[in-house]
């Protein structure tokens, strides 16, 4: 059975294992331990707009191995409404657990959180060559035709 939960302190080792897989895949393998520690502290701080939701394999007794998926949300205001919106910044399922419907379960749980918290929308970006993720997203959401610009300042 898969359970989707808000991250809590006992999930640190499992979350970090998946987070390190994610940052290697997406080009940040040199992320320092102090940055990872700071990210975890943000996630645990109820006053911070960042949240982490984890997919847990309830059949695993080991807290480290039970974490099989992660989603990082940033909750923020929107200029067209007084309701908040949720930006899904990171979404990762362990490669060993893909193609089992876990991503869909996680997205369903995030959508339910959005409804419960009265967020206007849940939105995200994905790379144009991330076809595996796009297959899932195309089933679940409306694709928006936009162009992203960015200026790196560091």
C-alpha atoms as a PDB file:
ATOM      1  CA  UNK A   1       0.000   0.000   0.000  1.00  0.00           C
ATOM      2  CA  UNK A   2       1.222   3.509  -0.859  1.00  0.00           C
ATOM      3  CA  UNK A   3       0.566   6.361   1.546  1.00  0.00           C
ATOM      4  CA  UNK A   4       1.137  10.038   0.688  1.00  0.00           C
ATOM      5  CA  UNK A   5       2.163  12.107   3.719  1.00  0.00           C
ATOM      6  CA  UNK A   6       3.582  15.481   4.569  1.00  0.00           C
ATOM      7  CA  UNK A   7       7.277  15.034   5.403  1.00  0.00           C
ATOM      8  CA  UNK A   8       8.210  14.795   9.074  1.00  0.00           C
ATOM      9  CA  UNK A   9      11.560  14.414  10.866  1.00  0.00           C
ATOM     10  CA  UNK A  10      11.631  10.610  10.729  1.00  0.00           C
ATOM     11  CA  UNK A  11      11.608  10.752   6.918  1.00  0.00           C
ATOM     12  CA  UNK A  12      14.922  12.642   6.631  1.00  0.00           C
ATOM     13  CA  UNK A  13      17.127   9.745   5.501  1.00  0.00           C
ATOM     14  CA  UNK A  14      14.671   8.451   2.918  1.00  0.00           C
ATOM     15  CA  UNK A  15      13.898  11.942   1.632  1.00  0.00           C
ATOM     16  CA  UNK A  16      17.611  12.728   1.289  1.00  0.00           C
ATOM     17  CA  UNK A  17      18.275   9.475  -0.572  1.00  0.00           C
ATOM     18  CA  UNK A  18      15.635  10.405  -3.165  1.00  0.00           C
ATOM     19  CA  UNK A  19      16.642  14.073  -3.240  1.00  0.00           C
ATOM     20  CA  UNK A  20      20.239  13.111  -4.071  1.00  0.00           C
ATOM     21  CA  UNK A  21      18.970  10.920  -6.941  1.00  0.00           C
ATOM     22  CA  UNK A  22      16.942  13.870  -8.206  1.00  0.00           C
ATOM     23  CA  UNK A  23      19.745  16.428  -8.083  1.00  0.00           C
ATOM     24  CA  UNK A  24      22.124  14.088  -9.900  1.00  0.00           C
ATOM     25  CA  UNK A  25      19.526  13.538 -12.635  1.00  0.00           C
ATOM     26  CA  UNK A  26      18.810  17.245 -13.032  1.00  0.00           C
ATOM     27  CA  UNK A  27      22.340  18.602 -12.989  1.00  0.00           C
ATOM     28  CA  UNK A  28      23.108  19.665  -9.410  1.00  0.00           C
ATOM     29  CA  UNK A  29      25.254  16.772  -8.107  1.00  0.00           C
ATOM     30  CA  UNK A  30      27.562  19.177  -6.279  1.00  0.00           C
ATOM     31  CA  UNK A  31      24.838  20.510  -3.962  1.00  0.00           C
ATOM     32  CA  UNK A  32      26.487  20.858  -0.570  1.00  0.00           C
ATOM     33  CA  UNK A  33      25.314  19.198   2.621  1.00  0.00           C
ATOM     34  CA  UNK A  34      24.584  22.605   4.210  1.00  0.00           C
ATOM     35  CA  UNK A  35      22.203  23.452   1.352  1.00  0.00           C
ATOM     36  CA  UNK A  36      20.490  20.069   1.707  1.00  0.00           C
ATOM     37  CA  UNK A  37      20.245  20.589   5.482  1.00  0.00           C
ATOM     38  CA  UNK A  38      18.792  24.065   4.923  1.00  0.00           C
ATOM     39  CA  UNK A  39      16.240  22.728   2.463  1.00  0.00           C
ATOM     40  CA  UNK A  40      15.159  20.085   4.989  1.00  0.00           C
ATOM     41  CA  UNK A  41      14.783  22.758   7.692  1.00  0.00           C
ATOM     42  CA  UNK A  42      12.577  24.820   5.363  1.00  0.00           C
ATOM     43  CA  UNK A  43      10.441  21.762   4.679  1.00  0.00           C
ATOM     44  CA  UNK A  44       9.933  21.112   8.396  1.00  0.00           C
ATOM     45  CA  UNK A  45       9.219  24.782   9.261  1.00  0.00           C
ATOM     46  CA  UNK A  46       5.415  25.214   9.283  1.00  0.00           C
ATOM     47  CA  UNK A  47       5.891  28.961   8.762  1.00  0.00           C
ATOM     48  CA  UNK A  48       7.883  28.528   5.562  1.00  0.00           C
ATOM     49  CA  UNK A  49       6.039  28.401   2.212  1.00  0.00           C
ATOM     50  CA  UNK A  50       7.899  25.245   1.152  1.00  0.00           C
ATOM     51  CA  UNK A  51       6.370  21.835   1.780  1.00  0.00           C
ATOM     52  CA  UNK A  52       7.434  18.276   0.982  1.00  0.00           C
ATOM     53  CA  UNK A  53       4.997  15.458   0.359  1.00  0.00           C
ATOM     54  CA  UNK A  54       6.302  11.910   0.281  1.00  0.00           C
ATOM     55  CA  UNK A  55       5.055   8.653  -1.172  1.00  0.00           C
ATOM     56  CA  UNK A  56       5.640   5.926   1.394  1.00  0.00           C
ATOM     57  CA  UNK A  57       5.572   2.196   0.825  1.00  0.00           C
ATOM     58  CA  UNK A  58       3.638   0.984   3.869  1.00  0.00           C
ATOM     59  CA  UNK A  59       4.997  -2.536   3.341  1.00  0.00           C
ATOM     60  CA  UNK A  60       8.527  -1.370   4.207  1.00  0.00           C
ATOM     61  CA  UNK A  61       9.463  -1.362   7.899  1.00  0.00           C
ATOM     62  CA  UNK A  62      12.560   0.788   7.377  1.00  0.00           C
ATOM     63  CA  UNK A  63      11.733   4.534   7.300  1.00  0.00           C
ATOM     64  CA  UNK A  64      14.608   5.099   4.850  1.00  0.00           C
ATOM     65  CA  UNK A  65      13.433   2.511   2.342  1.00  0.00           C
ATOM     66  CA  UNK A  66       9.765   3.362   2.727  1.00  0.00           C
ATOM     67  CA  UNK A  67      10.212   6.773   1.026  1.00  0.00           C
ATOM     68  CA  UNK A  68       9.723   6.102  -2.684  1.00  0.00           C
ATOM     69  CA  UNK A  69       8.541   9.469  -4.036  1.00  0.00           C
ATOM     70  CA  UNK A  70       8.825  13.165  -3.224  1.00  0.00           C
ATOM     71  CA  UNK A  71       7.111  16.372  -4.209  1.00  0.00           C
ATOM     72  CA  UNK A  72       8.267  19.853  -3.164  1.00  0.00           C
ATOM     73  CA  UNK A  73       5.636  22.578  -3.218  1.00  0.00           C
ATOM     74  CA  UNK A  74       6.043  26.314  -2.787  1.00  0.00           C
ATOM     75  CA  UNK A  75       2.828  27.988  -1.707  1.00  0.00           C
ATOM     76  CA  UNK A  76       2.568  31.644  -2.712  1.00  0.00           C
ATOM     77  CA  UNK A  77       0.131  34.505  -3.343  1.00  0.00           C
ATOM     78  CA  UNK A  78      -1.244  35.250  -6.786  1.00  0.00           C
ATOM     79  CA  UNK A  79      -1.920  38.686  -8.264  1.00  0.00           C
ATOM     80  CA  UNK A  80      -5.302  37.809  -9.807  1.00  0.00           C
ATOM     81  CA  UNK A  81      -6.892  36.457  -6.625  1.00  0.00           C
ATOM     82  CA  UNK A  82      -6.604  36.503  -2.858  1.00  0.00           C
ATOM     83  CA  UNK A  83      -6.217  32.715  -2.897  1.00  0.00           C
ATOM     84  CA  UNK A  84      -2.772  31.149  -2.829  1.00  0.00           C
ATOM     85  CA  UNK A  85      -1.375  28.932  -5.563  1.00  0.00           C
ATOM     86  CA  UNK A  86       1.017  26.002  -5.266  1.00  0.00           C
ATOM     87  CA  UNK A  87       4.076  25.638  -7.465  1.00  0.00           C
ATOM     88  CA  UNK A  88       5.309  22.055  -7.761  1.00  0.00           C
ATOM     89  CA  UNK A  89       9.042  22.660  -7.966  1.00  0.00           C
ATOM     90  CA  UNK A  90      10.296  19.081  -7.691  1.00  0.00           C
ATOM     91  CA  UNK A  91       8.584  15.780  -8.383  1.00  0.00           C
ATOM     92  CA  UNK A  92      10.479  12.484  -8.212  1.00  0.00           C
ATOM     93  CA  UNK A  93       9.635   8.815  -7.929  1.00  0.00           C
ATOM     94  CA  UNK A  94      12.433   6.351  -7.252  1.00  0.00           C
ATOM     95  CA  UNK A  95      13.445   4.692 -10.532  1.00  0.00           C
ATOM     96  CA  UNK A  96      12.925   1.300  -8.846  1.00  0.00           C
ATOM     97  CA  UNK A  97       9.238   2.145  -8.282  1.00  0.00           C
ATOM     98  CA  UNK A  98       8.230   3.803 -11.550  1.00  0.00           C
ATOM     99  CA  UNK A  99       5.436   2.589 -13.827  1.00  0.00           C
ATOM    100  CA  UNK A 100       3.376   1.449 -10.827  1.00  0.00           C
ATOM    101  CA  UNK A 101       1.009   4.417 -10.630  1.00  0.00           C
ATOM    102  CA  UNK A 102       2.830   6.133  -7.760  1.00  0.00           C
ATOM    103  CA  UNK A 103       3.215   9.428  -9.623  1.00  0.00           C
ATOM    104  CA  UNK A 104      -0.518   9.485 -10.300  1.00  0.00           C
ATOM    105  CA  UNK A 105      -1.305   8.732  -6.649  1.00  0.00           C
ATOM    106  CA  UNK A 106       0.985  11.559  -5.582  1.00  0.00           C
ATOM    107  CA  UNK A 107      -0.597  14.015  -8.011  1.00  0.00           C
ATOM    108  CA  UNK A 108      -4.074  13.016  -6.799  1.00  0.00           C
ATOM    109  CA  UNK A 109      -2.992  13.648  -3.200  1.00  0.00           C
ATOM    110  CA  UNK A 110      -1.485  17.036  -4.098  1.00  0.00           C
ATOM    111  CA  UNK A 111      -4.659  18.025  -5.896  1.00  0.00           C
ATOM    112  CA  UNK A 112      -6.670  17.044  -2.826  1.00  0.00           C
ATOM    113  CA  UNK A 113      -4.373  19.183  -0.637  1.00  0.00           C
ATOM    114  CA  UNK A 114      -4.919  22.094  -3.014  1.00  0.00           C
ATOM    115  CA  UNK A 115      -8.691  21.720  -2.635  1.00  0.00           C
ATOM    116  CA  UNK A 116      -8.539  21.337   1.151  1.00  0.00           C
ATOM    117  CA  UNK A 117      -6.313  24.411   1.475  1.00  0.00           C
ATOM    118  CA  UNK A 118      -8.339  26.484  -1.011  1.00  0.00           C
ATOM    119  CA  UNK A 119      -5.369  27.020  -3.320  1.00  0.00           C
ATOM    120  CA  UNK A 120      -6.486  28.338  -6.690  1.00  0.00           C
ATOM    121  CA  UNK A 121      -4.193  26.060  -8.649  1.00  0.00           C
ATOM    122  CA  UNK A 122      -1.353  23.604  -8.633  1.00  0.00           C
ATOM    123  CA  UNK A 123       1.124  24.250 -11.442  1.00  0.00           C
ATOM    124  CA  UNK A 124       4.587  23.143 -12.578  1.00  0.00           C
ATOM    125  CA  UNK A 125       7.138  23.113 -15.375  1.00  0.00           C
ATOM    126  CA  UNK A 126       8.908  20.173 -16.923  1.00  0.00           C
ATOM    127  CA  UNK A 127      11.726  19.889 -19.407  1.00  0.00           C
ATOM    128  CA  UNK A 128      10.669  19.641 -23.044  1.00  0.00           C
ATOM    129  CA  UNK A 129      12.617  16.378 -23.370  1.00  0.00           C
ATOM    130  CA  UNK A 130      11.160  14.769 -20.213  1.00  0.00           C
ATOM    131  CA  UNK A 131       8.721  12.632 -22.187  1.00  0.00           C
ATOM    132  CA  UNK A 132       8.109  10.094 -19.418  1.00  0.00           C
ATOM    133  CA  UNK A 133       6.867  12.779 -17.043  1.00  0.00           C
ATOM    134  CA  UNK A 134       4.871  14.437 -19.802  1.00  0.00           C
ATOM    135  CA  UNK A 135       2.935  11.227 -20.446  1.00  0.00           C
ATOM    136  CA  UNK A 136       1.750  11.316 -16.835  1.00  0.00           C
ATOM    137  CA  UNK A 137       1.095  15.062 -16.816  1.00  0.00           C
ATOM    138  CA  UNK A 138      -0.835  14.980 -20.106  1.00  0.00           C
ATOM    139  CA  UNK A 139      -3.268  12.503 -18.514  1.00  0.00           C
ATOM    140  CA  UNK A 140      -3.748  14.621 -15.402  1.00  0.00           C
ATOM    141  CA  UNK A 141      -3.590  18.272 -16.372  1.00  0.00           C
ATOM    142  CA  UNK A 142      -4.108  20.842 -19.073  1.00  0.00           C
ATOM    143  CA  UNK A 143      -0.899  21.686 -20.947  1.00  0.00           C
ATOM    144  CA  UNK A 144      -0.286  25.429 -21.143  1.00  0.00           C
ATOM    145  CA  UNK A 145       1.653  26.884 -24.042  1.00  0.00           C
ATOM    146  CA  UNK A 146       4.158  29.253 -22.429  1.00  0.00           C
ATOM    147  CA  UNK A 147       7.771  30.267 -22.815  1.00  0.00           C
ATOM    148  CA  UNK A 148      10.024  30.426 -19.769  1.00  0.00           C
ATOM    149  CA  UNK A 149      12.684  33.109 -19.439  1.00  0.00           C
ATOM    150  CA  UNK A 150      15.207  33.361 -16.648  1.00  0.00           C
ATOM    151  CA  UNK A 151      18.116  35.498 -15.550  1.00  0.00           C
ATOM    152  CA  UNK A 152      20.620  33.777 -13.297  1.00  0.00           C
ATOM    153  CA  UNK A 153      22.088  36.299 -10.862  1.00  0.00           C
ATOM    154  CA  UNK A 154      24.773  34.181  -9.259  1.00  0.00           C
END
